[in-house]
Every structure is written in C-alpha cells, then in structure tokens.
Amino acid sequence: MSVICTSFPPIMRIRAYSRMNPMYAYSGHIPLTPFENGFLAVGSALMSLIDTRRADMVAACGETTAGPTLVKLRDIMLESSEGRRILKEMPRISSQTLDLKKLRSLPENTFGRAYVGWLDTCNVTPDSREPVHYIDDPELAYVMQRYRETHDFYHALFGFKVSALPELALKAFEFTNLGFPMTALSLGASIRLKSHQRARLWGEFVPWAARCGSHARCLLTVYWEERWGQDLDEMKKEFGVWDPPAGITIPRPSRVDFP
C-alpha cells in the first residue's frame, strides 16, 4: 500500500498520490478521483480568492470546475472551419512559436501590432500560462490550454490593462462568452477592490461584459495566429464586440463602441 507523507498540505498530498497513478493521458497529466477533484476545486477556489496572485490555484480551479463547459466549447469549435483547424493542428502560444520582431513591424492598428504593444506596455511575456494537469481527455485538455494561452489576446483586443479591475471585467466577459465557472467565481475577488472600483465593476463593466460577451462570436473559435495583419476595428466588428467603458484600457487612436 502506498504511503503519502501526511506533513504535506492536503492539495500537495493529492498531487503526490495522483502522480502514482499510471493512467496518464498526456505529458503533465495528473488523474484525480471525483473526491480529489472536488476537494481541489474547493481548496483552489478559496486560495484564489485569498491570494489572486496564485496562478497555480487559479489554474487548478479552472480545470476542476470546467466540467461539461469544455465539451460544449469543443463542440462549438467543431462547428466552425477555424475551430476545426485549431483542434486538428493544436497550435501553441509561446515566445518560441511567435515572431515578436515581425509583429512589431506590422502597421498600426493591426491585431499583431496591438498584441505586441500590449505585451511591451504591460511587461508581459507569452510564456506566463500554467500547463493543464487535471483534465483527463487530451482534446478537452487542449481546449483549456488554448483558452489560457489566448487569454492575453482578449486583453490586446480590448486593450485591457493588467490590474484587478480590468482583469475582473475581462473575466465577466469570458463567463458570458465562454461559460467557464471559474471566470464567474473570480468576480468574488471584487470584495478586495476599493469601493468606487467595485461600484464601476458592477455598475458599468459587468453590464458591458454581459451584453458584449453574449453578443460576440465564441472567441475560442478564432485562429488568432492567422489574423496578425487584420485591422483591429474590422476584427471587432467581425466578432461582434465593442470596447468597454473608458478608464481601464490602454489608450488607442480609435474605438469601436456599442453598435
């Protein structure tokens, strides 16, 4: 019988036990029993609210609470030509797969130029996303990985800054557009905002997210890497999105407002 060191925190004991399970579906896969999944879901959700900088806990919460949402998103991707090619080719986003120098040479107001400008302005790299561990099906695990790696593209699309208020506004958009429970749970972190920020979040940005996210095309079906040279305003109109209320975005020469 296997013995797990009980001096480890509970979540670490789950990880240690699960690594002994030989049923790995992909590199980095950590199979969980239903009890382990539930325990990790609750624990990671609480830790994410306590310390929003714990990217590993946010990632674990996203995976353990995704459930049928991933199946729904995979099926939506299969219904579009771009989505099918994404699932077939399984592209990855990192500093190794992107030519950032080429993106910086693109014309102003193209998506690629906006993305690399967002990276530079916010001092972010494409390598900051946690790998997927707790989803058993390899294709569904990729759907989750794709969501994580394209999250920064949503930032660039809208020009959201990297701070608590714009991040929560984007999470609200992602919930209405994609449906991940974790993105709704993240809004609980609004209790940490200042009162005037919290008032703007719920009074302005959440209503924007509800309208815009539900009106927009499912952004997981977008093959972003084929659209670097597309005009940003044309892209927003094609996707059915418009810019959020002012105050949480990087200034740009043009805006796409509610149609």
C-alpha atoms as a PDB file:
ATOM      1  CA  MET A   1       0.000   0.000   0.000  1.00  0.00           C
ATOM      2  CA  SER A   2       1.316   3.429  -0.899  1.00  0.00           C
ATOM      3  CA  VAL A   3       2.139   5.816   1.921  1.00  0.00           C
ATOM      4  CA  ILE A   4       1.857   9.573   1.353  1.00  0.00           C
ATOM      5  CA  CYS A   5       3.699  11.908   3.697  1.00  0.00           C
ATOM      6  CA  THR A   6       0.990  13.495   5.851  1.00  0.00           C
ATOM      7  CA  SER A   7       3.165  16.515   6.551  1.00  0.00           C
ATOM      8  CA  PHE A   8       2.297  17.809   3.063  1.00  0.00           C
ATOM      9  CA  PRO A   9      -0.619  20.231   2.706  1.00  0.00           C
ATOM     10  CA  PRO A  10      -3.803  18.417   1.521  1.00  0.00           C
ATOM     11  CA  ILE A  11      -3.547  19.593  -2.087  1.00  0.00           C
ATOM     12  CA  MET A  12       0.096  18.510  -2.259  1.00  0.00           C
ATOM     13  CA  ARG A  13      -0.890  15.075  -0.899  1.00  0.00           C
ATOM     14  CA  ILE A  14      -3.489  14.785  -3.677  1.00  0.00           C
ATOM     15  CA  ARG A  15      -0.844  15.643  -6.270  1.00  0.00           C
ATOM     16  CA  ALA A  16       1.652  13.169  -4.773  1.00  0.00           C
ATOM     17  CA  TYR A  17      -0.887  10.331  -4.681  1.00  0.00           C
ATOM     18  CA  SER A  18      -2.146  11.076  -8.187  1.00  0.00           C
ATOM     19  CA  ARG A  19       1.342  11.005  -9.688  1.00  0.00           C
ATOM     20  CA  MET A  20       1.496   7.330  -8.660  1.00  0.00           C
ATOM     21  CA  ASN A  21      -1.474   6.560 -10.927  1.00  0.00           C
ATOM     22  CA  PRO A  22      -0.065   5.107 -14.180  1.00  0.00           C
ATOM     23  CA  MET A  23      -3.075   6.231 -16.280  1.00  0.00           C
ATOM     24  CA  TYR A  24      -1.511   9.352 -17.792  1.00  0.00           C
ATOM     25  CA  ALA A  25      -3.263  10.685 -20.906  1.00  0.00           C
ATOM     26  CA  TYR A  26      -0.625  13.302 -21.847  1.00  0.00           C
ATOM     27  CA  SER A  27       2.567  14.872 -20.554  1.00  0.00           C
ATOM     28  CA  GLY A  28       1.912  16.555 -17.209  1.00  0.00           C
ATOM     29  CA  HIS A  29      -1.460  14.831 -16.708  1.00  0.00           C
ATOM     30  CA  ILE A  30      -2.420  14.233 -13.058  1.00  0.00           C
ATOM     31  CA  PRO A  31      -5.504  11.998 -12.858  1.00  0.00           C
ATOM     32  CA  LEU A  32      -7.893  12.722  -9.985  1.00  0.00           C
ATOM     33  CA  THR A  33     -10.713  10.747  -8.444  1.00  0.00           C
ATOM     34  CA  PRO A  34     -14.082  12.557  -8.150  1.00  0.00           C
ATOM     35  CA  PHE A  35     -13.366  13.188  -4.457  1.00  0.00           C
ATOM     36  CA  GLU A  36      -9.914  14.581  -5.195  1.00  0.00           C
ATOM     37  CA  ASN A  37     -11.335  16.778  -7.950  1.00  0.00           C
ATOM     38  CA  GLY A  38     -13.990  18.193  -5.642  1.00  0.00           C
ATOM     39  CA  PHE A  39     -11.525  18.737  -2.817  1.00  0.00           C
ATOM     40  CA  LEU A  40      -9.085  20.513  -5.125  1.00  0.00           C
ATOM     41  CA  ALA A  41     -11.882  22.597  -6.660  1.00  0.00           C
ATOM     42  CA  VAL A  42     -12.961  23.933  -3.244  1.00  0.00           C
ATOM     43  CA  GLY A  43      -9.435  24.409  -1.952  1.00  0.00           C
ATOM     44  CA  SER A  44      -8.127  26.139  -5.063  1.00  0.00           C
ATOM     45  CA  ALA A  45     -11.186  28.418  -5.249  1.00  0.00           C
ATOM     46  CA  LEU A  46     -10.623  29.555  -1.661  1.00  0.00           C
ATOM     47  CA  MET A  47      -6.891  30.052  -2.182  1.00  0.00           C
ATOM     48  CA  SER A  48      -7.544  32.016  -5.387  1.00  0.00           C
ATOM     49  CA  LEU A  49      -9.832  34.413  -3.512  1.00  0.00           C
ATOM     50  CA  ILE A  50      -7.357  34.778  -0.646  1.00  0.00           C
ATOM     51  CA  ASP A  51      -4.392  35.421  -2.940  1.00  0.00           C
ATOM     52  CA  THR A  52      -5.300  36.326  -6.533  1.00  0.00           C
ATOM     53  CA  ARG A  53      -1.597  36.134  -7.486  1.00  0.00           C
ATOM     54  CA  ARG A  54      -1.594  32.347  -7.070  1.00  0.00           C
ATOM     55  CA  ALA A  55      -1.731  31.475 -10.761  1.00  0.00           C
ATOM     56  CA  ASP A  56      -1.408  27.775  -9.952  1.00  0.00           C
ATOM     57  CA  MET A  57      -4.534  27.876  -7.782  1.00  0.00           C
ATOM     58  CA  VAL A  58      -6.484  29.880 -10.356  1.00  0.00           C
ATOM     59  CA  ALA A  59      -5.468  27.304 -12.980  1.00  0.00           C
ATOM     60  CA  ALA A  60      -6.442  24.366 -10.750  1.00  0.00           C
ATOM     61  CA  CYS A  61      -9.820  25.967 -10.017  1.00  0.00           C
ATOM     62  CA  GLY A  62     -10.438  26.489 -13.718  1.00  0.00           C
ATOM     63  CA  GLU A  63      -9.697  22.852 -14.559  1.00  0.00           C
ATOM     64  CA  THR A  64     -11.543  21.187 -11.691  1.00  0.00           C
ATOM     65  CA  THR A  65     -14.718  23.248 -12.193  1.00  0.00           C
ATOM     66  CA  ALA A  66     -14.822  23.245 -16.021  1.00  0.00           C
ATOM     67  CA  GLY A  67     -16.873  20.046 -16.296  1.00  0.00           C
ATOM     68  CA  PRO A  68     -19.280  19.989 -19.284  1.00  0.00           C
ATOM     69  CA  THR A  69     -18.269  23.515 -20.318  1.00  0.00           C
ATOM     70  CA  LEU A  70     -15.213  22.099 -22.077  1.00  0.00           C
ATOM     71  CA  VAL A  71     -17.346  19.630 -24.023  1.00  0.00           C
ATOM     72  CA  LYS A  72     -19.682  22.438 -25.094  1.00  0.00           C
ATOM     73  CA  LEU A  73     -16.774  24.625 -26.213  1.00  0.00           C
ATOM     74  CA  ARG A  74     -15.124  21.748 -28.094  1.00  0.00           C
ATOM     75  CA  ASP A  75     -18.392  21.129 -29.929  1.00  0.00           C
ATOM     76  CA  ILE A  76     -18.709  24.829 -30.791  1.00  0.00           C
ATOM     77  CA  MET A  77     -15.173  24.766 -32.176  1.00  0.00           C
ATOM     78  CA  LEU A  78     -16.032  21.736 -34.305  1.00  0.00           C
ATOM     79  CA  GLU A  79     -18.919  23.660 -35.869  1.00  0.00           C
ATOM     80  CA  SER A  80     -16.619  26.298 -37.421  1.00  0.00           C
ATOM     81  CA  SER A  81     -13.873  25.878 -40.005  1.00  0.00           C
ATOM     82  CA  GLU A  82     -11.374  27.853 -37.942  1.00  0.00           C
ATOM     83  CA  GLY A  83     -12.244  25.949 -34.797  1.00  0.00           C
ATOM     84  CA  ARG A  84     -11.845  22.573 -36.524  1.00  0.00           C
ATOM     85  CA  ARG A  85      -8.412  23.533 -37.829  1.00  0.00           C
ATOM     86  CA  ILE A  86      -7.370  24.682 -34.358  1.00  0.00           C
ATOM     87  CA  LEU A  87      -8.355  21.314 -32.877  1.00  0.00           C
ATOM     88  CA  LYS A  88      -6.606  19.465 -35.701  1.00  0.00           C
ATOM     89  CA  GLU A  89      -3.362  21.457 -35.665  1.00  0.00           C
ATOM     90  CA  MET A  90      -3.319  22.292 -31.929  1.00  0.00           C
ATOM     91  CA  PRO A  91      -1.122  25.418 -32.211  1.00  0.00           C
ATOM     92  CA  ARG A  92       0.610  26.675 -29.065  1.00  0.00           C
ATOM     93  CA  ILE A  93       1.352  30.243 -28.000  1.00  0.00           C
ATOM     94  CA  SER A  94       4.796  30.998 -26.574  1.00  0.00           C
ATOM     95  CA  SER A  95       7.865  33.097 -27.234  1.00  0.00           C
ATOM     96  CA  GLN A  96       9.192  30.104 -29.181  1.00  0.00           C
ATOM     97  CA  THR A  97       6.239  29.951 -31.580  1.00  0.00           C
ATOM     98  CA  LEU A  98       5.701  33.699 -32.093  1.00  0.00           C
ATOM     99  CA  ASP A  99       7.882  36.044 -34.142  1.00  0.00           C
ATOM    100  CA  LEU A 100       7.571  39.122 -31.937  1.00  0.00           C
ATOM    101  CA  LYS A 101      10.008  41.115 -34.079  1.00  0.00           C
ATOM    102  CA  LYS A 102       7.785  40.574 -37.117  1.00  0.00           C
ATOM    103  CA  LEU A 103       4.693  41.585 -35.133  1.00  0.00           C
ATOM    104  CA  ARG A 104       6.378  44.855 -34.137  1.00  0.00           C
ATOM    105  CA  SER A 105       6.901  45.644 -37.828  1.00  0.00           C
ATOM    106  CA  LEU A 106       3.173  45.420 -38.650  1.00  0.00           C
ATOM    107  CA  PRO A 107       1.163  48.601 -39.352  1.00  0.00           C
ATOM    108  CA  GLU A 108      -0.531  50.490 -36.543  1.00  0.00           C
ATOM    109  CA  ASN A 109      -3.976  49.254 -35.511  1.00  0.00           C
ATOM    110  CA  THR A 110      -3.399  45.722 -36.765  1.00  0.00           C
ATOM    111  CA  PHE A 111      -4.093  42.975 -34.251  1.00  0.00           C
ATOM    112  CA  GLY A 112      -0.488  41.756 -34.232  1.00  0.00           C
ATOM    113  CA  ARG A 113       0.866  45.231 -33.562  1.00  0.00           C
ATOM    114  CA  ALA A 114      -1.721  45.765 -30.820  1.00  0.00           C
ATOM    115  CA  TYR A 115      -0.809  42.442 -29.203  1.00  0.00           C
ATOM    116  CA  VAL A 116       2.931  43.022 -29.116  1.00  0.00           C
ATOM    117  CA  GLY A 117       2.323  46.602 -27.981  1.00  0.00           C
ATOM    118  CA  TRP A 118       0.200  45.254 -25.130  1.00  0.00           C
ATOM    119  CA  LEU A 119       2.982  42.821 -24.170  1.00  0.00           C
ATOM    120  CA  ASP A 120       5.529  45.663 -24.120  1.00  0.00           C
ATOM    121  CA  THR A 121       3.309  48.137 -22.267  1.00  0.00           C
ATOM    122  CA  CYS A 122       2.242  45.648 -19.593  1.00  0.00           C
ATOM    123  CA  ASN A 123       5.657  43.954 -19.335  1.00  0.00           C
ATOM    124  CA  VAL A 124       4.156  40.516 -20.030  1.00  0.00           C
ATOM    125  CA  THR A 125       5.542  37.552 -21.982  1.00  0.00           C
ATOM    126  CA  PRO A 126       3.643  34.861 -23.932  1.00  0.00           C
ATOM    127  CA  ASP A 127       5.142  32.244 -21.586  1.00  0.00           C
ATOM    128  CA  SER A 128       3.187  33.063 -18.438  1.00  0.00           C
ATOM    129  CA  ARG A 129       0.406  30.441 -18.654  1.00  0.00           C
ATOM    130  CA  GLU A 130       0.215  27.329 -16.473  1.00  0.00           C
ATOM    131  CA  PRO A 131       0.109  23.939 -18.235  1.00  0.00           C
ATOM    132  CA  VAL A 132      -3.034  21.822 -17.878  1.00  0.00           C
ATOM    133  CA  HIS A 133      -2.843  18.910 -15.411  1.00  0.00           C
ATOM    134  CA  TYR A 134      -6.241  17.759 -14.148  1.00  0.00           C
ATOM    135  CA  ILE A 135      -8.369  17.216 -17.273  1.00  0.00           C
ATOM    136  CA  ASP A 136      -8.394  13.590 -18.367  1.00  0.00           C
ATOM    137  CA  ASP A 137      -9.387  13.870 -22.036  1.00  0.00           C
ATOM    138  CA  PRO A 138      -6.402  15.125 -24.125  1.00  0.00           C
ATOM    139  CA  GLU A 139      -8.586  17.062 -26.583  1.00  0.00           C
ATOM    140  CA  LEU A 140     -10.510  18.783 -23.786  1.00  0.00           C
ATOM    141  CA  ALA A 141      -7.207  19.478 -22.029  1.00  0.00           C
ATOM    142  CA  TYR A 142      -6.076  21.254 -25.192  1.00  0.00           C
ATOM    143  CA  VAL A 143      -9.269  23.334 -25.258  1.00  0.00           C
ATOM    144  CA  MET A 144      -8.437  24.526 -21.736  1.00  0.00           C
ATOM    145  CA  GLN A 145      -4.801  25.166 -22.694  1.00  0.00           C
ATOM    146  CA  ARG A 146      -5.929  27.106 -25.760  1.00  0.00           C
ATOM    147  CA  TYR A 147      -8.172  29.266 -23.601  1.00  0.00           C
ATOM    148  CA  ARG A 148      -5.289  30.050 -21.256  1.00  0.00           C
ATOM    149  CA  GLU A 149      -2.815  30.837 -23.986  1.00  0.00           C
ATOM    150  CA  THR A 150      -5.231  33.073 -25.911  1.00  0.00           C
ATOM    151  CA  HIS A 151      -6.438  34.946 -22.809  1.00  0.00           C
ATOM    152  CA  ASP A 152      -3.861  37.660 -23.461  1.00  0.00           C
ATOM    153  CA  PHE A 153      -5.262  38.069 -26.981  1.00  0.00           C
ATOM    154  CA  TYR A 154      -8.530  39.172 -25.369  1.00  0.00           C
ATOM    155  CA  HIS A 155      -6.546  41.713 -23.359  1.00  0.00           C
ATOM    156  CA  ALA A 156      -4.980  43.002 -26.564  1.00  0.00           C
ATOM    157  CA  LEU A 157      -8.283  43.009 -28.460  1.00  0.00           C
ATOM    158  CA  PHE A 158      -9.906  45.317 -25.912  1.00  0.00           C
ATOM    159  CA  GLY A 159      -6.722  46.990 -24.660  1.00  0.00           C
ATOM    160  CA  PHE A 160      -7.321  45.977 -21.042  1.00  0.00           C
ATOM    161  CA  LYS A 161      -4.619  46.938 -18.584  1.00  0.00           C
ATOM    162  CA  VAL A 162      -3.130  44.344 -16.220  1.00  0.00           C
ATOM    163  CA  SER A 163      -4.657  45.181 -12.849  1.00  0.00           C
ATOM    164  CA  ALA A 164      -7.531  43.959 -10.703  1.00  0.00           C
ATOM    165  CA  LEU A 165     -10.433  45.950 -12.149  1.00  0.00           C
ATOM    166  CA  PRO A 166      -9.799  45.316 -15.878  1.00  0.00           C
ATOM    167  CA  GLU A 167      -8.974  41.671 -15.165  1.00  0.00           C
ATOM    168  CA  LEU A 168     -12.310  41.183 -13.423  1.00  0.00           C
ATOM    169  CA  ALA A 169     -14.119  42.970 -16.256  1.00  0.00           C
ATOM    170  CA  LEU A 170     -12.479  40.576 -18.707  1.00  0.00           C
ATOM    171  CA  LYS A 171     -13.379  37.579 -16.530  1.00  0.00           C
ATOM    172  CA  ALA A 172     -17.018  38.706 -16.663  1.00  0.00           C
ATOM    173  CA  PHE A 173     -16.787  38.893 -20.462  1.00  0.00           C
ATOM    174  CA  GLU A 174     -15.228  35.429 -20.617  1.00  0.00           C
ATOM    175  CA  PHE A 175     -18.009  33.983 -18.488  1.00  0.00           C
ATOM    176  CA  THR A 176     -20.746  35.243 -20.795  1.00  0.00           C
ATOM    177  CA  ASN A 177     -18.784  34.356 -23.944  1.00  0.00           C
ATOM    178  CA  LEU A 178     -17.257  31.014 -22.918  1.00  0.00           C
ATOM    179  CA  GLY A 179     -19.103  29.913 -19.783  1.00  0.00           C
ATOM    180  CA  PHE A 180     -16.230  28.765 -17.550  1.00  0.00           C
ATOM    181  CA  PRO A 181     -17.494  28.664 -13.925  1.00  0.00           C
ATOM    182  CA  MET A 182     -14.079  29.818 -12.716  1.00  0.00           C
ATOM    183  CA  THR A 183     -14.487  33.141 -14.507  1.00  0.00           C
ATOM    184  CA  ALA A 184     -17.720  33.791 -12.590  1.00  0.00           C
ATOM    185  CA  LEU A 185     -16.153  32.664  -9.306  1.00  0.00           C
ATOM    186  CA  SER A 186     -13.318  35.145  -9.929  1.00  0.00           C
ATOM    187  CA  LEU A 187     -15.774  38.001  -9.530  1.00  0.00           C
ATOM    188  CA  GLY A 188     -15.830  37.194  -5.820  1.00  0.00           C
ATOM    189  CA  ALA A 189     -12.441  38.910  -5.709  1.00  0.00           C
ATOM    190  CA  SER A 190     -14.318  42.204  -6.221  1.00  0.00           C
ATOM    191  CA  ILE A 191     -14.564  42.415  -2.415  1.00  0.00           C
ATOM    192  CA  ARG A 192     -10.863  43.328  -2.496  1.00  0.00           C
ATOM    193  CA  LEU A 193     -11.460  46.349  -4.738  1.00  0.00           C
ATOM    194  CA  LYS A 194     -11.870  49.877  -3.445  1.00  0.00           C
ATOM    195  CA  SER A 195     -15.497  50.888  -3.103  1.00  0.00           C
ATOM    196  CA  HIS A 196     -15.521  53.174  -6.157  1.00  0.00           C
ATOM    197  CA  GLN A 197     -13.836  50.469  -8.265  1.00  0.00           C
ATOM    198  CA  ARG A 198     -16.359  47.876  -7.120  1.00  0.00           C
ATOM    199  CA  ALA A 199     -19.199  50.249  -7.982  1.00  0.00           C
ATOM    200  CA  ARG A 200     -17.814  50.717 -11.508  1.00  0.00           C
ATOM    201  CA  LEU A 201     -17.261  46.984 -11.944  1.00  0.00           C
ATOM    202  CA  TRP A 202     -20.853  46.032 -11.143  1.00  0.00           C
ATOM    203  CA  GLY A 203     -22.474  49.183 -12.467  1.00  0.00           C
ATOM    204  CA  GLU A 204     -20.594  49.582 -15.769  1.00  0.00           C
ATOM    205  CA  PHE A 205     -18.230  46.768 -16.676  1.00  0.00           C
ATOM    206  CA  VAL A 206     -20.298  43.711 -15.764  1.00  0.00           C
ATOM    207  CA  PRO A 207     -23.298  45.006 -17.785  1.00  0.00           C
ATOM    208  CA  TRP A 208     -20.912  45.692 -20.706  1.00  0.00           C
ATOM    209  CA  ALA A 209     -19.491  42.168 -20.371  1.00  0.00           C
ATOM    210  CA  ALA A 210     -22.957  40.595 -20.261  1.00  0.00           C
ATOM    211  CA  ARG A 211     -24.094  42.362 -23.443  1.00  0.00           C
ATOM    212  CA  CYS A 212     -20.829  42.134 -25.352  1.00  0.00           C
ATOM    213  CA  GLY A 213     -19.907  38.571 -24.382  1.00  0.00           C
ATOM    214  CA  SER A 214     -23.327  37.132 -25.176  1.00  0.00           C
ATOM    215  CA  HIS A 215     -23.486  39.041 -28.496  1.00  0.00           C
ATOM    216  CA  ALA A 216     -19.994  38.062 -29.631  1.00  0.00           C
ATOM    217  CA  ARG A 217     -18.761  35.075 -31.560  1.00  0.00           C
ATOM    218  CA  CYS A 218     -17.200  32.414 -29.312  1.00  0.00           C
ATOM    219  CA  LEU A 219     -13.609  33.638 -29.235  1.00  0.00           C
ATOM    220  CA  LEU A 220     -12.193  30.133 -28.846  1.00  0.00           C
ATOM    221  CA  THR A 221     -13.126  29.558 -32.494  1.00  0.00           C
ATOM    222  CA  VAL A 222     -10.747  32.315 -33.637  1.00  0.00           C
ATOM    223  CA  TYR A 223      -7.454  31.242 -35.214  1.00  0.00           C
ATOM    224  CA  TRP A 224      -5.680  34.329 -33.912  1.00  0.00           C
ATOM    225  CA  GLU A 225      -2.299  33.427 -35.384  1.00  0.00           C
ATOM    226  CA  GLU A 226      -3.745  33.804 -38.892  1.00  0.00           C
ATOM    227  CA  ARG A 227      -5.071  37.291 -38.175  1.00  0.00           C
ATOM    228  CA  TRP A 228      -1.989  39.257 -37.123  1.00  0.00           C
ATOM    229  CA  GLY A 229      -2.339  41.660 -40.053  1.00  0.00           C
ATOM    230  CA  GLN A 230      -6.090  42.233 -39.691  1.00  0.00           C
ATOM    231  CA  ASP A 231      -7.288  45.730 -38.816  1.00  0.00           C
ATOM    232  CA  LEU A 232      -8.305  45.781 -35.156  1.00  0.00           C
ATOM    233  CA  ASP A 233     -11.538  47.714 -35.696  1.00  0.00           C
ATOM    234  CA  GLU A 234     -12.590  45.397 -38.537  1.00  0.00           C
ATOM    235  CA  MET A 235     -11.819  42.418 -36.321  1.00  0.00           C
ATOM    236  CA  LYS A 236     -14.042  43.725 -33.526  1.00  0.00           C
ATOM    237  CA  LYS A 237     -16.915  44.298 -35.918  1.00  0.00           C
ATOM    238  CA  GLU A 238     -16.488  40.805 -37.384  1.00  0.00           C
ATOM    239  CA  PHE A 239     -16.529  39.225 -33.923  1.00  0.00           C
ATOM    240  CA  GLY A 240     -19.449  41.344 -32.746  1.00  0.00           C
ATOM    241  CA  VAL A 241     -17.600  43.038 -29.883  1.00  0.00           C
ATOM    242  CA  TRP A 242     -17.126  46.647 -28.883  1.00  0.00           C
ATOM    243  CA  ASP A 243     -14.859  48.482 -26.455  1.00  0.00           C
ATOM    244  CA  PRO A 244     -15.637  48.625 -22.722  1.00  0.00           C
ATOM    245  CA  PRO A 245     -16.397  51.839 -20.839  1.00  0.00           C
ATOM    246  CA  ALA A 246     -13.384  54.133 -20.569  1.00  0.00           C
ATOM    247  CA  GLY A 247     -10.882  54.058 -17.753  1.00  0.00           C
ATOM    248  CA  ILE A 248      -9.390  50.551 -17.745  1.00  0.00           C
ATOM    249  CA  THR A 249      -7.821  50.299 -21.191  1.00  0.00           C
ATOM    250  CA  ILE A 250      -4.607  51.361 -22.866  1.00  0.00           C
ATOM    251  CA  PRO A 251      -5.286  54.494 -24.987  1.00  0.00           C
ATOM    252  CA  ARG A 252      -5.688  53.815 -28.702  1.00  0.00           C
ATOM    253  CA  PRO A 253      -6.246  56.037 -31.743  1.00  0.00           C
ATOM    254  CA  SER A 254      -9.693  54.552 -32.385  1.00  0.00           C
ATOM    255  CA  ARG A 255     -12.529  52.801 -30.570  1.00  0.00           C
ATOM    256  CA  VAL A 256     -15.408  50.539 -31.530  1.00  0.00           C
ATOM    257  CA  ASP A 257     -18.416  51.470 -29.415  1.00  0.00           C
ATOM    258  CA  PHE A 258     -21.750  49.734 -28.908  1.00  0.00           C
ATOM    259  CA  PRO A 259     -23.356  49.294 -32.335  1.00  0.00           C
END
